[in-house]
C-alpha cells in the first residue's frame, strides 16, 4: 500500500486524526512572521497548521497528497469561513507540483519527509531552499534514527530517516533563529514514540 492509499484510509476514518492543535513549531513561527506573510504548507494533511496560520492573517497555500485531505480542508474552510490562498492536491516531490509553487515567506514541512524516498527528500529540500524568500523561514519536523547505521533499513523500504545533526547540516546556509532539537516524540496515529529532529531557520 502506498503512502497515499494509507492516508486516504486514515483521513476517511477520522477527519481530525492529528487533532486540531497546531504544531508547537507553528506556534513559534507565528511569533516571528510579519502580518500578511505568505506561507506554504507542504503535506498539509487535514489542515490544522494551515488553518491556524490563516486565522492569524497569513496567506497560506496548502499542498496535500490525498484527495480526502484536500476535500476535508476545503470543507472545513467553507464551514468555518477560513480563507486559504490555495489547496493543491498532489505529490510534493512531483516536478509538476513544484513548478506551480511560488516563493514564500515561510515554508512548513511537518513530519512529511520520512514518507518520501531518498530522491524525493533531495528534491523537496532543494525546493524549500529555492522557494523560501530572503529573510524567510523554513520549519521542518522529521523522523530520525539514533545512529547512521540504522538508516539503510528505511532507505531499502523506500522511506527516509535523518541521522543526528543532518537536518542542521543540510540547512547550514540558513540561520537557526528559534529552535533546533532532536529527541523522542509521541506519534498520535499509531501511538509509537519516534526520534524526531525539529528546526526553525531563516534564509540569509
C-alpha atoms as a PDB file:
ATOM      1  CA  UNK A   1       0.000   0.000   0.000  1.00  0.00           C
ATOM      2  CA  UNK A   2       1.346   3.406  -0.967  1.00  0.00           C
ATOM      3  CA  UNK A   3       1.540   6.334   1.492  1.00  0.00           C
ATOM      4  CA  UNK A   4      -1.275   7.952  -0.478  1.00  0.00           C
ATOM      5  CA  UNK A   5      -3.520   4.901  -0.055  1.00  0.00           C
ATOM      6  CA  UNK A   6      -2.626   4.653   3.635  1.00  0.00           C
ATOM      7  CA  UNK A   7      -3.501   8.255   4.390  1.00  0.00           C
ATOM      8  CA  UNK A   8      -6.634   8.197   2.271  1.00  0.00           C
ATOM      9  CA  UNK A   9      -7.869   5.451   4.602  1.00  0.00           C
ATOM     10  CA  UNK A  10      -6.664   7.183   7.772  1.00  0.00           C
ATOM     11  CA  UNK A  11      -8.301  10.506   6.867  1.00  0.00           C
ATOM     12  CA  UNK A  12     -11.550   8.824   5.798  1.00  0.00           C
ATOM     13  CA  UNK A  13     -11.854   7.091   9.172  1.00  0.00           C
ATOM     14  CA  UNK A  14     -11.043  10.182  11.248  1.00  0.00           C
ATOM     15  CA  UNK A  15     -11.480  13.775   9.986  1.00  0.00           C
ATOM     16  CA  UNK A  16      -9.173  15.035  12.756  1.00  0.00           C
ATOM     17  CA  UNK A  17      -6.696  12.202  13.219  1.00  0.00           C
ATOM     18  CA  UNK A  18      -3.863  14.607  14.134  1.00  0.00           C
ATOM     19  CA  UNK A  19      -6.119  16.702  16.338  1.00  0.00           C
ATOM     20  CA  UNK A  20      -6.763  20.404  15.833  1.00  0.00           C
ATOM     21  CA  UNK A  21      -3.920  21.890  17.876  1.00  0.00           C
ATOM     22  CA  UNK A  22      -1.146  23.206  15.624  1.00  0.00           C
ATOM     23  CA  UNK A  23       2.439  22.046  15.929  1.00  0.00           C
ATOM     24  CA  UNK A  24       4.453  23.858  18.595  1.00  0.00           C
ATOM     25  CA  UNK A  25       6.844  24.823  15.788  1.00  0.00           C
ATOM     26  CA  UNK A  26       3.998  26.610  14.021  1.00  0.00           C
ATOM     27  CA  UNK A  27       3.138  28.488  17.207  1.00  0.00           C
ATOM     28  CA  UNK A  28       6.760  29.657  17.358  1.00  0.00           C
ATOM     29  CA  UNK A  29       6.715  30.624  13.690  1.00  0.00           C
ATOM     30  CA  UNK A  30       3.660  32.822  14.211  1.00  0.00           C
ATOM     31  CA  UNK A  31       5.663  34.904  16.677  1.00  0.00           C
ATOM     32  CA  UNK A  32       8.339  35.500  14.028  1.00  0.00           C
ATOM     33  CA  UNK A  33       6.355  36.232  10.860  1.00  0.00           C
ATOM     34  CA  UNK A  34       5.102  39.721   9.955  1.00  0.00           C
ATOM     35  CA  UNK A  35       1.343  40.005   9.443  1.00  0.00           C
ATOM     36  CA  UNK A  36       0.227  39.155   5.925  1.00  0.00           C
ATOM     37  CA  UNK A  37       3.231  36.963   5.147  1.00  0.00           C
ATOM     38  CA  UNK A  38       2.858  34.147   2.626  1.00  0.00           C
ATOM     39  CA  UNK A  39       3.176  30.577   3.896  1.00  0.00           C
ATOM     40  CA  UNK A  40       3.466  27.246   2.084  1.00  0.00           C
ATOM     41  CA  UNK A  41       2.418  24.105   3.972  1.00  0.00           C
ATOM     42  CA  UNK A  42       3.897  21.027   2.277  1.00  0.00           C
ATOM     43  CA  UNK A  43       1.990  17.879   3.177  1.00  0.00           C
ATOM     44  CA  UNK A  44      -0.759  19.801   4.953  1.00  0.00           C
ATOM     45  CA  UNK A  45      -2.767  16.728   5.948  1.00  0.00           C
ATOM     46  CA  UNK A  46      -6.183  17.816   7.203  1.00  0.00           C
ATOM     47  CA  UNK A  47      -5.085  21.413   7.606  1.00  0.00           C
ATOM     48  CA  UNK A  48      -4.577  22.077  11.312  1.00  0.00           C
ATOM     49  CA  UNK A  49      -1.373  24.097  10.799  1.00  0.00           C
ATOM     50  CA  UNK A  50      -2.626  25.834   7.668  1.00  0.00           C
ATOM     51  CA  UNK A  51      -5.878  26.872   9.351  1.00  0.00           C
ATOM     52  CA  UNK A  52      -4.133  28.206  12.440  1.00  0.00           C
ATOM     53  CA  UNK A  53      -1.891  30.440  10.354  1.00  0.00           C
ATOM     54  CA  UNK A  54      -4.702  31.535   8.036  1.00  0.00           C
ATOM     55  CA  UNK A  55      -6.742  32.557  11.077  1.00  0.00           C
ATOM     56  CA  UNK A  56      -3.763  34.637  12.197  1.00  0.00           C
ATOM     57  CA  UNK A  57      -3.916  36.640   8.981  1.00  0.00           C
ATOM     58  CA  UNK A  58      -1.256  34.839   6.951  1.00  0.00           C
ATOM     59  CA  UNK A  59      -1.772  33.945   3.284  1.00  0.00           C
ATOM     60  CA  UNK A  60      -1.485  30.166   3.230  1.00  0.00           C
ATOM     61  CA  UNK A  61      -1.088  27.740   0.335  1.00  0.00           C
ATOM     62  CA  UNK A  62      -1.567  24.095   1.320  1.00  0.00           C
ATOM     63  CA  UNK A  63      -0.266  21.141  -0.694  1.00  0.00           C
ATOM     64  CA  UNK A  64      -1.641  17.717   0.198  1.00  0.00           C
ATOM     65  CA  UNK A  65      -1.111  14.321  -1.410  1.00  0.00           C
ATOM     66  CA  UNK A  66      -4.556  12.881  -0.717  1.00  0.00           C
ATOM     67  CA  UNK A  67      -7.890  13.732  -2.275  1.00  0.00           C
ATOM     68  CA  UNK A  68      -9.574  13.129   1.088  1.00  0.00           C
ATOM     69  CA  UNK A  69      -7.296  15.516   2.972  1.00  0.00           C
ATOM     70  CA  UNK A  70      -7.780  18.258   0.380  1.00  0.00           C
ATOM     71  CA  UNK A  71     -11.554  17.852   0.411  1.00  0.00           C
ATOM     72  CA  UNK A  72     -11.638  17.922   4.208  1.00  0.00           C
ATOM     73  CA  UNK A  73      -9.614  21.150   4.167  1.00  0.00           C
ATOM     74  CA  UNK A  74     -11.960  22.719   1.635  1.00  0.00           C
ATOM     75  CA  UNK A  75     -14.999  21.630   3.651  1.00  0.00           C
ATOM     76  CA  UNK A  76     -13.578  22.968   6.908  1.00  0.00           C
ATOM     77  CA  UNK A  77     -12.536  26.243   5.288  1.00  0.00           C
ATOM     78  CA  UNK A  78     -16.023  26.740   3.858  1.00  0.00           C
ATOM     79  CA  UNK A  79     -17.760  25.781   7.102  1.00  0.00           C
ATOM     80  CA  UNK A  80     -15.607  27.962   9.346  1.00  0.00           C
ATOM     81  CA  UNK A  81     -15.061  30.845   6.950  1.00  0.00           C
ATOM     82  CA  UNK A  82     -11.297  30.331   6.736  1.00  0.00           C
ATOM     83  CA  UNK A  83      -9.508  31.725   3.705  1.00  0.00           C
ATOM     84  CA  UNK A  84      -6.688  29.718   2.126  1.00  0.00           C
ATOM     85  CA  UNK A  85      -4.875  31.129  -0.897  1.00  0.00           C
ATOM     86  CA  UNK A  86      -4.921  27.659  -2.453  1.00  0.00           C
ATOM     87  CA  UNK A  87      -5.269  23.978  -1.642  1.00  0.00           C
ATOM     88  CA  UNK A  88      -3.288  21.974  -4.169  1.00  0.00           C
ATOM     89  CA  UNK A  89      -3.751  18.214  -4.415  1.00  0.00           C
ATOM     90  CA  UNK A  90      -0.593  16.394  -5.443  1.00  0.00           C
ATOM     91  CA  UNK A  91       2.761  14.842  -4.627  1.00  0.00           C
ATOM     92  CA  UNK A  92       5.216  17.394  -3.217  1.00  0.00           C
ATOM     93  CA  UNK A  93       8.089  15.569  -4.976  1.00  0.00           C
ATOM     94  CA  UNK A  94       6.446  15.949  -8.376  1.00  0.00           C
ATOM     95  CA  UNK A  95       8.173  18.445 -10.717  1.00  0.00           C
ATOM     96  CA  UNK A  96       4.716  19.432 -11.997  1.00  0.00           C
ATOM     97  CA  UNK A  97       3.523  20.320  -8.480  1.00  0.00           C
ATOM     98  CA  UNK A  98       6.766  22.083  -7.557  1.00  0.00           C
ATOM     99  CA  UNK A  99       6.538  24.131 -10.754  1.00  0.00           C
ATOM    100  CA  UNK A 100       3.154  25.514  -9.597  1.00  0.00           C
ATOM    101  CA  UNK A 101       4.614  26.916  -6.401  1.00  0.00           C
ATOM    102  CA  UNK A 102       5.761  30.494  -5.958  1.00  0.00           C
ATOM    103  CA  UNK A 103       8.209  31.887  -3.415  1.00  0.00           C
ATOM    104  CA  UNK A 104       7.043  32.224   0.176  1.00  0.00           C
ATOM    105  CA  UNK A 105       7.933  33.994   3.395  1.00  0.00           C
ATOM    106  CA  UNK A 106       7.746  30.692   5.257  1.00  0.00           C
ATOM    107  CA  UNK A 107       7.616  27.031   4.263  1.00  0.00           C
ATOM    108  CA  UNK A 108       6.379  24.247   6.550  1.00  0.00           C
ATOM    109  CA  UNK A 109       7.206  20.577   6.161  1.00  0.00           C
ATOM    110  CA  UNK A 110       5.954  18.812   9.284  1.00  0.00           C
ATOM    111  CA  UNK A 111       6.622  15.052   9.516  1.00  0.00           C
ATOM    112  CA  UNK A 112       6.324  14.569   5.751  1.00  0.00           C
ATOM    113  CA  UNK A 113       9.914  13.918   4.645  1.00  0.00           C
ATOM    114  CA  UNK A 114      10.085  10.474   6.347  1.00  0.00           C
ATOM    115  CA  UNK A 115       7.361   9.242   3.972  1.00  0.00           C
ATOM    116  CA  UNK A 116       9.471  10.055   0.912  1.00  0.00           C
ATOM    117  CA  UNK A 117      12.194   8.200  -0.929  1.00  0.00           C
ATOM    118  CA  UNK A 118      15.772   9.439  -0.692  1.00  0.00           C
ATOM    119  CA  UNK A 119      15.388  11.055  -4.125  1.00  0.00           C
ATOM    120  CA  UNK A 120      12.144  12.684  -3.053  1.00  0.00           C
ATOM    121  CA  UNK A 121      13.747  14.141   0.071  1.00  0.00           C
ATOM    122  CA  UNK A 122      16.564  15.639  -2.001  1.00  0.00           C
ATOM    123  CA  UNK A 123      14.067  17.229  -4.382  1.00  0.00           C
ATOM    124  CA  UNK A 124      11.902  18.721  -1.630  1.00  0.00           C
ATOM    125  CA  UNK A 125      14.844  20.074   0.389  1.00  0.00           C
ATOM    126  CA  UNK A 126      16.197  21.740  -2.748  1.00  0.00           C
ATOM    127  CA  UNK A 127      12.768  23.266  -3.424  1.00  0.00           C
ATOM    128  CA  UNK A 128      12.483  24.587   0.137  1.00  0.00           C
ATOM    129  CA  UNK A 129      15.834  26.308  -0.198  1.00  0.00           C
ATOM    130  CA  UNK A 130      14.915  27.763  -3.575  1.00  0.00           C
ATOM    131  CA  UNK A 131      11.361  28.880  -2.790  1.00  0.00           C
ATOM    132  CA  UNK A 132      11.949  30.474   0.615  1.00  0.00           C
ATOM    133  CA  UNK A 133      12.176  34.254   0.245  1.00  0.00           C
ATOM    134  CA  UNK A 134      15.278  36.059   1.572  1.00  0.00           C
ATOM    135  CA  UNK A 135      14.810  36.564   5.326  1.00  0.00           C
ATOM    136  CA  UNK A 136      12.019  33.987   5.147  1.00  0.00           C
ATOM    137  CA  UNK A 137      11.672  30.955   7.404  1.00  0.00           C
ATOM    138  CA  UNK A 138      11.540  27.244   6.931  1.00  0.00           C
ATOM    139  CA  UNK A 139      10.025  24.940   9.544  1.00  0.00           C
ATOM    140  CA  UNK A 140      10.769  21.212   9.463  1.00  0.00           C
ATOM    141  CA  UNK A 141       9.976  18.284  11.696  1.00  0.00           C
ATOM    142  CA  UNK A 142      11.226  14.884  10.530  1.00  0.00           C
ATOM    143  CA  UNK A 143      11.686  11.392  11.921  1.00  0.00           C
ATOM    144  CA  UNK A 144      15.256  10.286  12.511  1.00  0.00           C
ATOM    145  CA  UNK A 145      17.288   7.299  13.680  1.00  0.00           C
ATOM    146  CA  UNK A 146      19.576   7.286  16.701  1.00  0.00           C
ATOM    147  CA  UNK A 147      22.613   6.249  14.636  1.00  0.00           C
ATOM    148  CA  UNK A 148      23.578   6.395  10.930  1.00  0.00           C
ATOM    149  CA  UNK A 149      23.831   2.620  10.673  1.00  0.00           C
ATOM    150  CA  UNK A 150      20.091   2.206  11.138  1.00  0.00           C
ATOM    151  CA  UNK A 151      19.064   4.439   8.241  1.00  0.00           C
ATOM    152  CA  UNK A 152      19.671   1.939   5.446  1.00  0.00           C
ATOM    153  CA  UNK A 153      16.872  -0.266   6.726  1.00  0.00           C
ATOM    154  CA  UNK A 154      14.413   2.537   5.966  1.00  0.00           C
ATOM    155  CA  UNK A 155      16.035   3.535   2.681  1.00  0.00           C
ATOM    156  CA  UNK A 156      15.674  -0.060   1.479  1.00  0.00           C
ATOM    157  CA  UNK A 157      11.933   0.247   2.163  1.00  0.00           C
ATOM    158  CA  UNK A 158      11.681   3.429   0.121  1.00  0.00           C
ATOM    159  CA  UNK A 159      11.489   5.679   3.183  1.00  0.00           C
ATOM    160  CA  UNK A 160      13.893   8.186   4.660  1.00  0.00           C
ATOM    161  CA  UNK A 161      15.180   8.838   8.161  1.00  0.00           C
ATOM    162  CA  UNK A 162      17.524  11.638   9.161  1.00  0.00           C
ATOM    163  CA  UNK A 163      20.581  10.967  11.283  1.00  0.00           C
ATOM    164  CA  UNK A 164      21.683  13.150  14.212  1.00  0.00           C
ATOM    165  CA  UNK A 165      22.680  16.680  13.160  1.00  0.00           C
ATOM    166  CA  UNK A 166      21.814  16.005   9.494  1.00  0.00           C
ATOM    167  CA  UNK A 167      18.942  18.472   9.311  1.00  0.00           C
ATOM    168  CA  UNK A 168      21.107  21.238  10.735  1.00  0.00           C
ATOM    169  CA  UNK A 169      23.905  20.444   8.262  1.00  0.00           C
ATOM    170  CA  UNK A 170      21.581  20.316   5.253  1.00  0.00           C
ATOM    171  CA  UNK A 171      20.372  23.825   6.037  1.00  0.00           C
ATOM    172  CA  UNK A 172      23.728  25.244   7.098  1.00  0.00           C
ATOM    173  CA  UNK A 173      23.168  28.212   4.786  1.00  0.00           C
ATOM    174  CA  UNK A 174      20.117  29.138   6.894  1.00  0.00           C
ATOM    175  CA  UNK A 175      20.411  30.786  10.291  1.00  0.00           C
ATOM    176  CA  UNK A 176      18.839  28.881  13.176  1.00  0.00           C
ATOM    177  CA  UNK A 177      16.728  31.518  14.852  1.00  0.00           C
ATOM    178  CA  UNK A 178      14.303  29.780  17.141  1.00  0.00           C
ATOM    179  CA  UNK A 179      14.589  26.041  17.574  1.00  0.00           C
ATOM    180  CA  UNK A 180      16.686  23.012  16.914  1.00  0.00           C
ATOM    181  CA  UNK A 181      16.255  19.827  18.862  1.00  0.00           C
ATOM    182  CA  UNK A 182      16.366  16.078  18.492  1.00  0.00           C
ATOM    183  CA  UNK A 183      14.626  13.570  20.723  1.00  0.00           C
ATOM    184  CA  UNK A 184      11.729  11.184  21.283  1.00  0.00           C
ATOM    185  CA  UNK A 185       8.283  12.346  20.260  1.00  0.00           C
ATOM    186  CA  UNK A 186       4.880  10.663  20.516  1.00  0.00           C
ATOM    187  CA  UNK A 187       3.061   9.852  17.264  1.00  0.00           C
ATOM    188  CA  UNK A 188      -0.705  10.199  17.502  1.00  0.00           C
ATOM    189  CA  UNK A 189      -1.514   7.943  14.517  1.00  0.00           C
ATOM    190  CA  UNK A 190      -0.002   4.676  15.728  1.00  0.00           C
ATOM    191  CA  UNK A 191       0.808   5.572  19.342  1.00  0.00           C
ATOM    192  CA  UNK A 192       4.535   4.915  18.935  1.00  0.00           C
ATOM    193  CA  UNK A 193       7.349   7.169  20.069  1.00  0.00           C
ATOM    194  CA  UNK A 194       9.942   8.097  17.453  1.00  0.00           C
ATOM    195  CA  UNK A 195      13.113  10.130  17.346  1.00  0.00           C
ATOM    196  CA  UNK A 196      12.360  13.476  15.723  1.00  0.00           C
ATOM    197  CA  UNK A 197      14.523  16.375  14.530  1.00  0.00           C
ATOM    198  CA  UNK A 198      12.843  19.807  14.601  1.00  0.00           C
ATOM    199  CA  UNK A 199      14.148  23.003  13.080  1.00  0.00           C
ATOM    200  CA  UNK A 200      13.125  26.619  12.521  1.00  0.00           C
ATOM    201  CA  UNK A 201      15.647  28.591  10.480  1.00  0.00           C
ATOM    202  CA  UNK A 202      15.818  31.801   8.480  1.00  0.00           C
ATOM    203  CA  UNK A 203      17.216  32.186   4.979  1.00  0.00           C
ATOM    204  CA  UNK A 204      20.165  34.572   4.914  1.00  0.00           C
END
